[in-house]
Amino acid sequence: MGGDERVAPGWRVDGRCTNCDVARQLAPGLIGEVDGRSVVLRQPRDAVEAERLHAAAHACPTRSVRPPGGRLDAGRDPFPLALDDTVAVCGHNSPLTAGANSFLLRRPDGTSMMIDTPRWSPALAARHEAPGPVTDVLLTHRDHAAHGRRYADRFGARLWIHEGDLDAAPDADRVLRGTAPAEIADGVLALPFAGHTRGSVLYLADDRYCFSGDSFYWSRTTADIEVADSVTWYSIRELAASLSRAAADRPRFEWLLPGHGDRRRLPADDMAARLRRLAARTQALRPRPVDFTAVRW
């Protein structure tokens, strides 16, 4: 049975929802979009579906996803939520980063890197550093910089950002410059990617993972890699140029892990072909007014 908080018993989405898509990523088929906001489409049928709704509730940046009774159970918080043996989703998305996803990248020596950040909390910081030291906090761009310094200081980690967005993190410890790729650790590459913002960056790891920030994402609507051209703040033409450089360099990755929009794993050759086609499509785009409702999640 479909519905929202006015008609659906049990789990519900309240009126604070900003339609950020986070809950729909974590509980597909259970939470969907109706009239520009998330709603509970149906109640969970088993324990697995219930856990997906608990994940959505603990990730929601406005705490709009409410369980029966209305109180979140901290004991059912699944984050950091492993995608595989190397990457985990941090959850607890922050309203100060527009509800962006963040990730923990584990390294072979037992350390980790954090890509963008969840909402700030000492308890969350302790949870993320429990498996081993976090050495670096990698910011993909200015929109996701709000908690970077606090997490870096707590971890004793280096904070990274590109010079194009340096005013959003002026006390960064490492500043990426220009358009050339930069190796920042063994197996981890920073690829400057101007477009969404002047200082946007992709982080590539182990020929398997692409942390794309808001530069591109996996769209459920088109079942393909897409750019959010309606919320490209800096320049759609620069984004097209960044995509063309990337397509020519043929970076290898299997996992696409964006700040906003869906995650997806495909064979690396398939991802490379889709990236080339996206570069060609983006060349034809022109600047347009900002319109959040035009994003094809």
C-alpha atoms as a PDB file:
ATOM      1  CA  MET A   1       0.000   0.000   0.000  1.00  0.00           C
ATOM      2  CA  GLY A   2       1.431   3.375  -0.949  1.00  0.00           C
ATOM      3  CA  GLY A   3       1.257   6.457   1.185  1.00  0.00           C
ATOM      4  CA  ASP A   4       2.993   9.080   3.279  1.00  0.00           C
ATOM      5  CA  GLU A   5       2.823  10.019   6.920  1.00  0.00           C
ATOM      6  CA  ARG A   6      -0.877  10.910   6.635  1.00  0.00           C
ATOM      7  CA  VAL A   7      -2.057   7.438   5.605  1.00  0.00           C
ATOM      8  CA  ALA A   8       0.716   4.854   6.173  1.00  0.00           C
ATOM      9  CA  PRO A   9       0.914   3.231   9.624  1.00  0.00           C
ATOM     10  CA  GLY A  10       4.265   2.375  11.110  1.00  0.00           C
ATOM     11  CA  TRP A  11       7.206   3.810   9.186  1.00  0.00           C
ATOM     12  CA  ARG A  12       6.643   7.274   7.750  1.00  0.00           C
ATOM     13  CA  VAL A  13       8.432  10.306   6.259  1.00  0.00           C
ATOM     14  CA  ASP A  14       7.597  13.607   7.910  1.00  0.00           C
ATOM     15  CA  GLY A  15       7.270  17.057   6.395  1.00  0.00           C
ATOM     16  CA  ARG A  16      10.919  18.050   6.921  1.00  0.00           C
ATOM     17  CA  CYS A  17      11.972  15.993   3.875  1.00  0.00           C
ATOM     18  CA  THR A  18      14.091  17.982   1.393  1.00  0.00           C
ATOM     19  CA  ASN A  19      13.960  15.327  -1.365  1.00  0.00           C
ATOM     20  CA  CYS A  20      17.707  14.694  -1.145  1.00  0.00           C
ATOM     21  CA  ASP A  21      17.324  11.050  -2.348  1.00  0.00           C
ATOM     22  CA  VAL A  22      19.429   9.516   0.439  1.00  0.00           C
ATOM     23  CA  ALA A  23      16.627   7.380   1.892  1.00  0.00           C
ATOM     24  CA  ARG A  24      15.582   6.137  -1.552  1.00  0.00           C
ATOM     25  CA  GLN A  25      19.128   4.947  -2.212  1.00  0.00           C
ATOM     26  CA  LEU A  26      19.183   2.906   0.988  1.00  0.00           C
ATOM     27  CA  ALA A  27      15.628   1.573   0.930  1.00  0.00           C
ATOM     28  CA  PRO A  28      14.645   1.182  -2.736  1.00  0.00           C
ATOM     29  CA  GLY A  29      11.120  -0.066  -3.225  1.00  0.00           C
ATOM     30  CA  LEU A  30      10.244   0.881   0.343  1.00  0.00           C
ATOM     31  CA  ILE A  31      10.780   4.629   0.048  1.00  0.00           C
ATOM     32  CA  GLY A  32      10.000   6.456  -3.187  1.00  0.00           C
ATOM     33  CA  GLU A  33       9.386   9.946  -4.539  1.00  0.00           C
ATOM     34  CA  VAL A  34       5.887  11.423  -4.754  1.00  0.00           C
ATOM     35  CA  ASP A  35       5.199  15.089  -5.523  1.00  0.00           C
ATOM     36  CA  GLY A  36       8.780  16.182  -4.937  1.00  0.00           C
ATOM     37  CA  ARG A  37       9.495  14.445  -1.640  1.00  0.00           C
ATOM     38  CA  SER A  38      10.172  11.000  -0.250  1.00  0.00           C
ATOM     39  CA  VAL A  39       7.317   8.865   1.064  1.00  0.00           C
ATOM     40  CA  VAL A  40       7.036   5.372   2.509  1.00  0.00           C
ATOM     41  CA  LEU A  41       5.600   3.242  -0.282  1.00  0.00           C
ATOM     42  CA  ARG A  42       4.932   0.215   1.904  1.00  0.00           C
ATOM     43  CA  GLN A  43       5.837  -1.219   5.272  1.00  0.00           C
ATOM     44  CA  PRO A  44       8.678  -3.765   5.592  1.00  0.00           C
ATOM     45  CA  ARG A  45       7.769  -7.427   5.114  1.00  0.00           C
ATOM     46  CA  ASP A  46      10.786  -8.996   6.798  1.00  0.00           C
ATOM     47  CA  ALA A  47      13.849  -8.246   8.907  1.00  0.00           C
ATOM     48  CA  VAL A  48      16.008  -7.404   5.870  1.00  0.00           C
ATOM     49  CA  GLU A  49      13.584  -4.736   4.697  1.00  0.00           C
ATOM     50  CA  ALA A  50      13.287  -3.369   8.233  1.00  0.00           C
ATOM     51  CA  GLU A  51      17.078  -2.982   8.396  1.00  0.00           C
ATOM     52  CA  ARG A  52      17.028  -1.033   5.126  1.00  0.00           C
ATOM     53  CA  LEU A  53      14.558   1.398   6.641  1.00  0.00           C
ATOM     54  CA  HIS A  54      16.683   1.738   9.772  1.00  0.00           C
ATOM     55  CA  ALA A  55      19.662   2.566   7.539  1.00  0.00           C
ATOM     56  CA  ALA A  56      17.601   5.190   5.699  1.00  0.00           C
ATOM     57  CA  ALA A  57      16.464   6.697   9.002  1.00  0.00           C
ATOM     58  CA  HIS A  58      20.006   6.976  10.398  1.00  0.00           C
ATOM     59  CA  ALA A  59      21.327   8.479   7.155  1.00  0.00           C
ATOM     60  CA  CYS A  60      18.535  11.010   6.517  1.00  0.00           C
ATOM     61  CA  PRO A  61      20.001  14.513   6.994  1.00  0.00           C
ATOM     62  CA  THR A  62      16.728  15.967   8.301  1.00  0.00           C
ATOM     63  CA  ARG A  63      15.802  12.876  10.375  1.00  0.00           C
ATOM     64  CA  SER A  64      12.557  12.770   8.386  1.00  0.00           C
ATOM     65  CA  VAL A  65      12.364   8.975   8.135  1.00  0.00           C
ATOM     66  CA  ARG A  66      10.581   7.923  11.308  1.00  0.00           C
ATOM     67  CA  PRO A  67      10.124   4.386  12.667  1.00  0.00           C
ATOM     68  CA  PRO A  68       7.010   3.140  14.448  1.00  0.00           C
ATOM     69  CA  GLY A  69       6.813   5.058  17.689  1.00  0.00           C
ATOM     70  CA  GLY A  70       8.941   7.868  16.262  1.00  0.00           C
ATOM     71  CA  ARG A  71      12.180   7.214  18.192  1.00  0.00           C
ATOM     72  CA  LEU A  72      15.329   6.010  16.411  1.00  0.00           C
ATOM     73  CA  ASP A  73      17.024   3.005  18.003  1.00  0.00           C
ATOM     74  CA  ALA A  74      20.767   3.685  18.196  1.00  0.00           C
ATOM     75  CA  GLY A  75      21.352  -0.034  18.471  1.00  0.00           C
ATOM     76  CA  ARG A  76      20.067  -0.478  14.915  1.00  0.00           C
ATOM     77  CA  ASP A  77      22.395   2.121  13.402  1.00  0.00           C
ATOM     78  CA  PRO A  78      24.332   0.171  10.711  1.00  0.00           C
ATOM     79  CA  PHE A  79      26.949   2.801   9.874  1.00  0.00           C
ATOM     80  CA  PRO A  80      29.628   2.691   8.689  1.00  0.00           C
ATOM     81  CA  LEU A  81      27.903   0.307   6.278  1.00  0.00           C
ATOM     82  CA  ALA A  82      30.320  -1.862   4.280  1.00  0.00           C
ATOM     83  CA  LEU A  83      29.898  -1.993   0.502  1.00  0.00           C
ATOM     84  CA  ASP A  84      32.749  -4.489   0.289  1.00  0.00           C
ATOM     85  CA  ASP A  85      35.956  -5.199   2.195  1.00  0.00           C
ATOM     86  CA  THR A  86      37.469  -1.816   1.269  1.00  0.00           C
ATOM     87  CA  VAL A  87      34.737   0.862   1.206  1.00  0.00           C
ATOM     88  CA  ALA A  88      31.999   1.725   3.678  1.00  0.00           C
ATOM     89  CA  VAL A  89      29.235   4.324   3.503  1.00  0.00           C
ATOM     90  CA  CYS A  90      29.503   6.663   6.498  1.00  0.00           C
ATOM     91  CA  GLY A  91      25.783   7.501   6.740  1.00  0.00           C
ATOM     92  CA  HIS A  92      24.517  10.252   9.059  1.00  0.00           C
ATOM     93  CA  ASN A  93      24.385  12.659   6.126  1.00  0.00           C
ATOM     94  CA  SER A  94      24.650  16.310   7.108  1.00  0.00           C
ATOM     95  CA  PRO A  95      22.232  19.118   6.262  1.00  0.00           C
ATOM     96  CA  LEU A  96      25.315  21.367   6.051  1.00  0.00           C
ATOM     97  CA  THR A  97      26.599  19.370   3.042  1.00  0.00           C
ATOM     98  CA  ALA A  98      23.204  19.261   1.289  1.00  0.00           C
ATOM     99  CA  GLY A  99      22.764  15.712   2.554  1.00  0.00           C
ATOM    100  CA  ALA A 100      25.789  14.375   0.679  1.00  0.00           C
ATOM    101  CA  ASN A 101      27.032  10.822   1.033  1.00  0.00           C
ATOM    102  CA  SER A 102      30.483  10.252   2.488  1.00  0.00           C
ATOM    103  CA  PHE A 103      32.713   7.199   2.448  1.00  0.00           C
ATOM    104  CA  LEU A 104      35.480   5.462   4.360  1.00  0.00           C
ATOM    105  CA  LEU A 105      38.248   3.976   2.192  1.00  0.00           C
ATOM    106  CA  ARG A 106      40.287   1.316   3.983  1.00  0.00           C
ATOM    107  CA  ARG A 107      43.925   0.865   3.012  1.00  0.00           C
ATOM    108  CA  PRO A 108      46.073  -2.297   3.102  1.00  0.00           C
ATOM    109  CA  ASP A 109      48.124  -1.043   6.066  1.00  0.00           C
ATOM    110  CA  GLY A 110      45.046  -0.833   8.308  1.00  0.00           C
ATOM    111  CA  THR A 111      44.547   2.923   7.992  1.00  0.00           C
ATOM    112  CA  SER A 112      41.600   4.644   6.330  1.00  0.00           C
ATOM    113  CA  MET A 113      40.758   7.757   4.365  1.00  0.00           C
ATOM    114  CA  MET A 114      37.461   9.612   4.641  1.00  0.00           C
ATOM    115  CA  ILE A 115      35.980  11.029   1.436  1.00  0.00           C
ATOM    116  CA  ASP A 116      33.753  13.973   2.352  1.00  0.00           C
ATOM    117  CA  THR A 117      32.209  13.709   5.812  1.00  0.00           C
ATOM    118  CA  PRO A 118      29.056  12.791   7.700  1.00  0.00           C
ATOM    119  CA  ARG A 119      27.486  15.226  10.153  1.00  0.00           C
ATOM    120  CA  TRP A 120      29.928  16.149  12.922  1.00  0.00           C
ATOM    121  CA  SER A 121      29.751  14.105  16.095  1.00  0.00           C
ATOM    122  CA  PRO A 122      32.567  12.934  18.398  1.00  0.00           C
ATOM    123  CA  ALA A 123      30.753   9.614  18.743  1.00  0.00           C
ATOM    124  CA  LEU A 124      30.644   9.167  14.968  1.00  0.00           C
ATOM    125  CA  ALA A 125      34.320  10.097  14.699  1.00  0.00           C
ATOM    126  CA  ALA A 126      35.156   7.420  17.266  1.00  0.00           C
ATOM    127  CA  ARG A 127      33.146   4.878  15.314  1.00  0.00           C
ATOM    128  CA  HIS A 128      34.935   5.659  12.059  1.00  0.00           C
ATOM    129  CA  GLU A 129      38.431   5.523  13.532  1.00  0.00           C
ATOM    130  CA  ALA A 130      37.766   2.347  15.538  1.00  0.00           C
ATOM    131  CA  PRO A 131      39.052  -0.029  12.792  1.00  0.00           C
ATOM    132  CA  GLY A 132      42.302   1.954  12.479  1.00  0.00           C
ATOM    133  CA  PRO A 133      43.704   5.492  12.127  1.00  0.00           C
ATOM    134  CA  VAL A 134      42.139   7.839   9.580  1.00  0.00           C
ATOM    135  CA  THR A 135      45.073   9.542   7.867  1.00  0.00           C
ATOM    136  CA  ASP A 136      43.351  11.824   5.356  1.00  0.00           C
ATOM    137  CA  VAL A 137      40.045  13.630   4.832  1.00  0.00           C
ATOM    138  CA  LEU A 138      39.534  14.157   1.097  1.00  0.00           C
ATOM    139  CA  LEU A 139      37.066  16.879   0.133  1.00  0.00           C
ATOM    140  CA  THR A 140      35.546  16.546  -3.330  1.00  0.00           C
ATOM    141  CA  HIS A 141      34.454  20.209  -3.467  1.00  0.00           C
ATOM    142  CA  ARG A 142      33.262  23.239  -1.536  1.00  0.00           C
ATOM    143  CA  ASP A 143      29.648  22.107  -0.951  1.00  0.00           C
ATOM    144  CA  HIS A 144      30.900  19.180   1.149  1.00  0.00           C
ATOM    145  CA  ALA A 145      33.522  21.013   3.223  1.00  0.00           C
ATOM    146  CA  ALA A 146      31.464  21.956   6.299  1.00  0.00           C
ATOM    147  CA  HIS A 147      32.817  19.369   8.745  1.00  0.00           C
ATOM    148  CA  GLY A 148      36.170  18.604   7.137  1.00  0.00           C
ATOM    149  CA  ARG A 149      38.377  20.511   9.539  1.00  0.00           C
ATOM    150  CA  ARG A 150      36.708  19.107  12.659  1.00  0.00           C
ATOM    151  CA  TYR A 151      37.058  15.522  11.479  1.00  0.00           C
ATOM    152  CA  ALA A 152      40.649  16.066  10.337  1.00  0.00           C
ATOM    153  CA  ASP A 153      41.597  17.591  13.690  1.00  0.00           C
ATOM    154  CA  ARG A 154      39.911  14.798  15.616  1.00  0.00           C
ATOM    155  CA  PHE A 155      41.683  12.131  13.546  1.00  0.00           C
ATOM    156  CA  GLY A 156      45.023  13.960  13.373  1.00  0.00           C
ATOM    157  CA  ALA A 157      44.546  13.659   9.605  1.00  0.00           C
ATOM    158  CA  ARG A 158      45.489  15.770   6.599  1.00  0.00           C
ATOM    159  CA  LEU A 159      42.633  17.774   5.060  1.00  0.00           C
ATOM    160  CA  TRP A 160      42.680  17.983   1.242  1.00  0.00           C
ATOM    161  CA  ILE A 161      40.905  20.361  -1.152  1.00  0.00           C
ATOM    162  CA  HIS A 162      41.571  21.867  -4.589  1.00  0.00           C
ATOM    163  CA  GLU A 163      42.786  25.443  -4.911  1.00  0.00           C
ATOM    164  CA  GLY A 164      39.641  26.330  -6.890  1.00  0.00           C
ATOM    165  CA  ASP A 165      37.535  25.798  -3.757  1.00  0.00           C
ATOM    166  CA  LEU A 166      40.170  26.750  -1.192  1.00  0.00           C
ATOM    167  CA  ASP A 167      38.064  29.540   0.303  1.00  0.00           C
ATOM    168  CA  ALA A 168      35.696  26.819   1.603  1.00  0.00           C
ATOM    169  CA  ALA A 169      38.571  25.206   3.559  1.00  0.00           C
ATOM    170  CA  PRO A 170      41.305  27.870   3.794  1.00  0.00           C
ATOM    171  CA  ASP A 171      43.120  25.951   6.529  1.00  0.00           C
ATOM    172  CA  ALA A 172      43.454  22.762   4.463  1.00  0.00           C
ATOM    173  CA  ASP A 173      46.707  20.884   5.004  1.00  0.00           C
ATOM    174  CA  ARG A 174      47.124  19.808   1.374  1.00  0.00           C
ATOM    175  CA  VAL A 175      46.023  21.866  -1.628  1.00  0.00           C
ATOM    176  CA  LEU A 176      45.617  20.279  -5.064  1.00  0.00           C
ATOM    177  CA  ARG A 177      46.451  22.552  -7.975  1.00  0.00           C
ATOM    178  CA  GLY A 178      45.824  22.762 -11.708  1.00  0.00           C
ATOM    179  CA  THR A 179      44.261  19.989 -13.789  1.00  0.00           C
ATOM    180  CA  ALA A 180      46.937  17.291 -13.664  1.00  0.00           C
ATOM    181  CA  PRO A 181      46.263  14.080 -11.723  1.00  0.00           C
ATOM    182  CA  ALA A 182      48.119  13.835  -8.409  1.00  0.00           C
ATOM    183  CA  GLU A 183      49.004  10.655  -6.529  1.00  0.00           C
ATOM    184  CA  ILE A 184      48.196  11.362  -2.902  1.00  0.00           C
ATOM    185  CA  ALA A 185      48.919   7.888  -1.509  1.00  0.00           C
ATOM    186  CA  ASP A 186      49.800   4.464  -2.803  1.00  0.00           C
ATOM    187  CA  GLY A 187      46.910   3.459  -5.044  1.00  0.00           C
ATOM    188  CA  VAL A 188      44.949   6.702  -4.519  1.00  0.00           C
ATOM    189  CA  LEU A 189      44.800   9.384  -7.223  1.00  0.00           C
ATOM    190  CA  ALA A 190      43.237  12.853  -7.135  1.00  0.00           C
ATOM    191  CA  LEU A 191      41.862  14.017 -10.490  1.00  0.00           C
ATOM    192  CA  PRO A 192      40.909  17.726 -10.604  1.00  0.00           C
ATOM    193  CA  PHE A 193      37.500  17.953 -12.266  1.00  0.00           C
ATOM    194  CA  ALA A 194      36.294  21.547 -12.636  1.00  0.00           C
ATOM    195  CA  GLY A 195      32.639  21.927 -13.562  1.00  0.00           C
ATOM    196  CA  HIS A 196      30.174  21.428 -10.735  1.00  0.00           C
ATOM    197  CA  THR A 197      32.447  23.829  -8.853  1.00  0.00           C
ATOM    198  CA  ARG A 198      35.754  25.338  -9.899  1.00  0.00           C
ATOM    199  CA  GLY A 199      37.632  23.095  -7.470  1.00  0.00           C
ATOM    200  CA  SER A 200      35.780  19.797  -7.833  1.00  0.00           C
ATOM    201  CA  VAL A 201      37.936  16.655  -7.609  1.00  0.00           C
ATOM    202  CA  LEU A 202      37.496  12.954  -8.331  1.00  0.00           C
ATOM    203  CA  TYR A 203      39.335  10.528  -6.082  1.00  0.00           C
ATOM    204  CA  LEU A 204      40.265   7.195  -7.715  1.00  0.00           C
ATOM    205  CA  ALA A 205      41.466   4.218  -5.722  1.00  0.00           C
ATOM    206  CA  ASP A 206      42.940   0.831  -6.624  1.00  0.00           C
ATOM    207  CA  ASP A 207      41.551   0.874 -10.192  1.00  0.00           C
ATOM    208  CA  ARG A 208      38.228  -0.060  -8.565  1.00  0.00           C
ATOM    209  CA  TYR A 209      36.651   2.986  -6.948  1.00  0.00           C
ATOM    210  CA  CYS A 210      35.666   6.432  -8.217  1.00  0.00           C
ATOM    211  CA  PHE A 211      34.512   8.925  -5.585  1.00  0.00           C
ATOM    212  CA  SER A 212      32.925  11.461  -7.900  1.00  0.00           C
ATOM    213  CA  GLY A 213      31.525  14.083  -5.523  1.00  0.00           C
ATOM    214  CA  ASP A 214      28.832  15.909  -7.474  1.00  0.00           C
ATOM    215  CA  SER A 215      30.554  15.690 -10.863  1.00  0.00           C
ATOM    216  CA  PHE A 216      28.533  12.698 -12.083  1.00  0.00           C
ATOM    217  CA  TYR A 217      26.403   9.921 -10.632  1.00  0.00           C
ATOM    218  CA  TRP A 218      24.362   6.815 -11.495  1.00  0.00           C
ATOM    219  CA  SER A 219      20.789   7.700 -12.474  1.00  0.00           C
ATOM    220  CA  ARG A 220      17.974   5.257 -11.731  1.00  0.00           C
ATOM    221  CA  THR A 221      15.846   7.111 -14.292  1.00  0.00           C
ATOM    222  CA  THR A 222      18.186   6.622 -17.253  1.00  0.00           C
ATOM    223  CA  ALA A 223      20.117   3.571 -15.951  1.00  0.00           C
ATOM    224  CA  ASP A 224      23.349   5.317 -16.895  1.00  0.00           C
ATOM    225  CA  ILE A 225      26.026   7.746 -15.678  1.00  0.00           C
ATOM    226  CA  GLU A 226      24.707  11.320 -15.752  1.00  0.00           C
ATOM    227  CA  VAL A 227      25.699  14.872 -14.826  1.00  0.00           C
ATOM    228  CA  ALA A 228      23.380  17.123 -12.830  1.00  0.00           C
ATOM    229  CA  ASP A 229      23.603  19.987 -15.298  1.00  0.00           C
ATOM    230  CA  SER A 230      20.747  21.874 -13.632  1.00  0.00           C
ATOM    231  CA  VAL A 231      22.880  22.273 -10.478  1.00  0.00           C
ATOM    232  CA  THR A 232      26.291  22.736 -12.077  1.00  0.00           C
ATOM    233  CA  TRP A 233      27.350  25.872 -10.195  1.00  0.00           C
ATOM    234  CA  TYR A 234      30.579  26.781 -11.985  1.00  0.00           C
ATOM    235  CA  SER A 235      30.481  25.822 -15.672  1.00  0.00           C
ATOM    236  CA  ILE A 236      28.875  23.079 -17.727  1.00  0.00           C
ATOM    237  CA  ARG A 237      31.486  23.739 -20.428  1.00  0.00           C
ATOM    238  CA  GLU A 238      34.302  23.174 -17.927  1.00  0.00           C
ATOM    239  CA  LEU A 239      32.568  20.002 -16.784  1.00  0.00           C
ATOM    240  CA  ALA A 240      32.432  18.815 -20.397  1.00  0.00           C
ATOM    241  CA  ALA A 241      36.157  19.554 -20.735  1.00  0.00           C
ATOM    242  CA  SER A 242      36.925  17.637 -17.518  1.00  0.00           C
ATOM    243  CA  LEU A 243      34.913  14.664 -18.767  1.00  0.00           C
ATOM    244  CA  SER A 244      36.700  14.739 -22.118  1.00  0.00           C
ATOM    245  CA  ARG A 245      40.111  14.707 -20.424  1.00  0.00           C
ATOM    246  CA  ALA A 246      39.036  11.829 -18.216  1.00  0.00           C
ATOM    247  CA  ALA A 247      37.630   9.862 -21.132  1.00  0.00           C
ATOM    248  CA  ALA A 248      40.900  10.314 -23.019  1.00  0.00           C
ATOM    249  CA  ASP A 249      42.960   9.182 -20.018  1.00  0.00           C
ATOM    250  CA  ARG A 250      40.643   6.200 -19.454  1.00  0.00           C
ATOM    251  CA  PRO A 251      40.711   5.945 -15.667  1.00  0.00           C
ATOM    252  CA  ARG A 252      39.716   2.471 -14.503  1.00  0.00           C
ATOM    253  CA  PHE A 253      37.052   1.927 -11.880  1.00  0.00           C
ATOM    254  CA  GLU A 254      34.240  -0.504 -11.162  1.00  0.00           C
ATOM    255  CA  TRP A 255      32.429   1.342  -8.373  1.00  0.00           C
ATOM    256  CA  LEU A 256      30.898   4.767  -8.992  1.00  0.00           C
ATOM    257  CA  LEU A 257      30.440   6.396  -5.572  1.00  0.00           C
ATOM    258  CA  PRO A 258      28.947   9.910  -5.816  1.00  0.00           C
ATOM    259  CA  GLY A 259      28.052  12.441  -3.180  1.00  0.00           C
ATOM    260  CA  HIS A 260      24.522  12.694  -4.541  1.00  0.00           C
ATOM    261  CA  GLY A 261      22.720  10.141  -6.675  1.00  0.00           C
ATOM    262  CA  ASP A 262      22.940   6.392  -6.774  1.00  0.00           C
ATOM    263  CA  ARG A 263      25.986   4.170  -6.426  1.00  0.00           C
ATOM    264  CA  ARG A 264      26.698   1.485  -9.009  1.00  0.00           C
ATOM    265  CA  ARG A 265      29.166  -1.327  -9.650  1.00  0.00           C
ATOM    266  CA  LEU A 266      29.850  -2.468 -13.223  1.00  0.00           C
ATOM    267  CA  PRO A 267      32.823  -3.989 -15.053  1.00  0.00           C
ATOM    268  CA  ALA A 268      35.576  -1.403 -15.553  1.00  0.00           C
ATOM    269  CA  ASP A 269      35.360  -1.568 -19.351  1.00  0.00           C
ATOM    270  CA  ASP A 270      31.622  -0.869 -19.185  1.00  0.00           C
ATOM    271  CA  MET A 271      32.206   2.101 -16.883  1.00  0.00           C
ATOM    272  CA  ALA A 272      34.880   3.457 -19.242  1.00  0.00           C
ATOM    273  CA  ALA A 273      32.559   3.197 -22.249  1.00  0.00           C
ATOM    274  CA  ARG A 274      29.754   4.934 -20.362  1.00  0.00           C
ATOM    275  CA  LEU A 275      32.134   7.707 -19.292  1.00  0.00           C
ATOM    276  CA  ARG A 276      33.137   8.284 -22.927  1.00  0.00           C
ATOM    277  CA  ARG A 277      29.498   8.511 -23.977  1.00  0.00           C
ATOM    278  CA  LEU A 278      28.745  10.877 -21.090  1.00  0.00           C
ATOM    279  CA  ALA A 279      31.611  13.132 -22.207  1.00  0.00           C
ATOM    280  CA  ALA A 280      30.104  13.296 -25.695  1.00  0.00           C
ATOM    281  CA  ARG A 281      26.590  14.028 -24.365  1.00  0.00           C
ATOM    282  CA  THR A 282      27.846  16.735 -22.032  1.00  0.00           C
ATOM    283  CA  GLN A 283      29.583  18.549 -24.890  1.00  0.00           C
ATOM    284  CA  ALA A 284      26.116  19.315 -26.268  1.00  0.00           C
ATOM    285  CA  LEU A 285      24.775  20.811 -23.031  1.00  0.00           C
ATOM    286  CA  ARG A 286      24.509  24.542 -22.470  1.00  0.00           C
ATOM    287  CA  PRO A 287      24.237  26.615 -19.282  1.00  0.00           C
ATOM    288  CA  ARG A 288      20.781  26.612 -17.708  1.00  0.00           C
ATOM    289  CA  PRO A 289      19.132  28.151 -14.656  1.00  0.00           C
ATOM    290  CA  VAL A 290      19.565  26.300 -11.392  1.00  0.00           C
ATOM    291  CA  ASP A 291      16.665  23.879 -10.915  1.00  0.00           C
ATOM    292  CA  PHE A 292      16.920  21.152  -8.267  1.00  0.00           C
ATOM    293  CA  THR A 293      13.709  19.508  -9.481  1.00  0.00           C
ATOM    294  CA  ALA A 294      15.288  18.803 -12.874  1.00  0.00           C
ATOM    295  CA  VAL A 295      17.802  16.266 -11.512  1.00  0.00           C
ATOM    296  CA  ARG A 296      17.046  12.834 -12.966  1.00  0.00           C
ATOM    297  CA  TRP A 297      17.713  10.659  -9.931  1.00  0.00           C
END
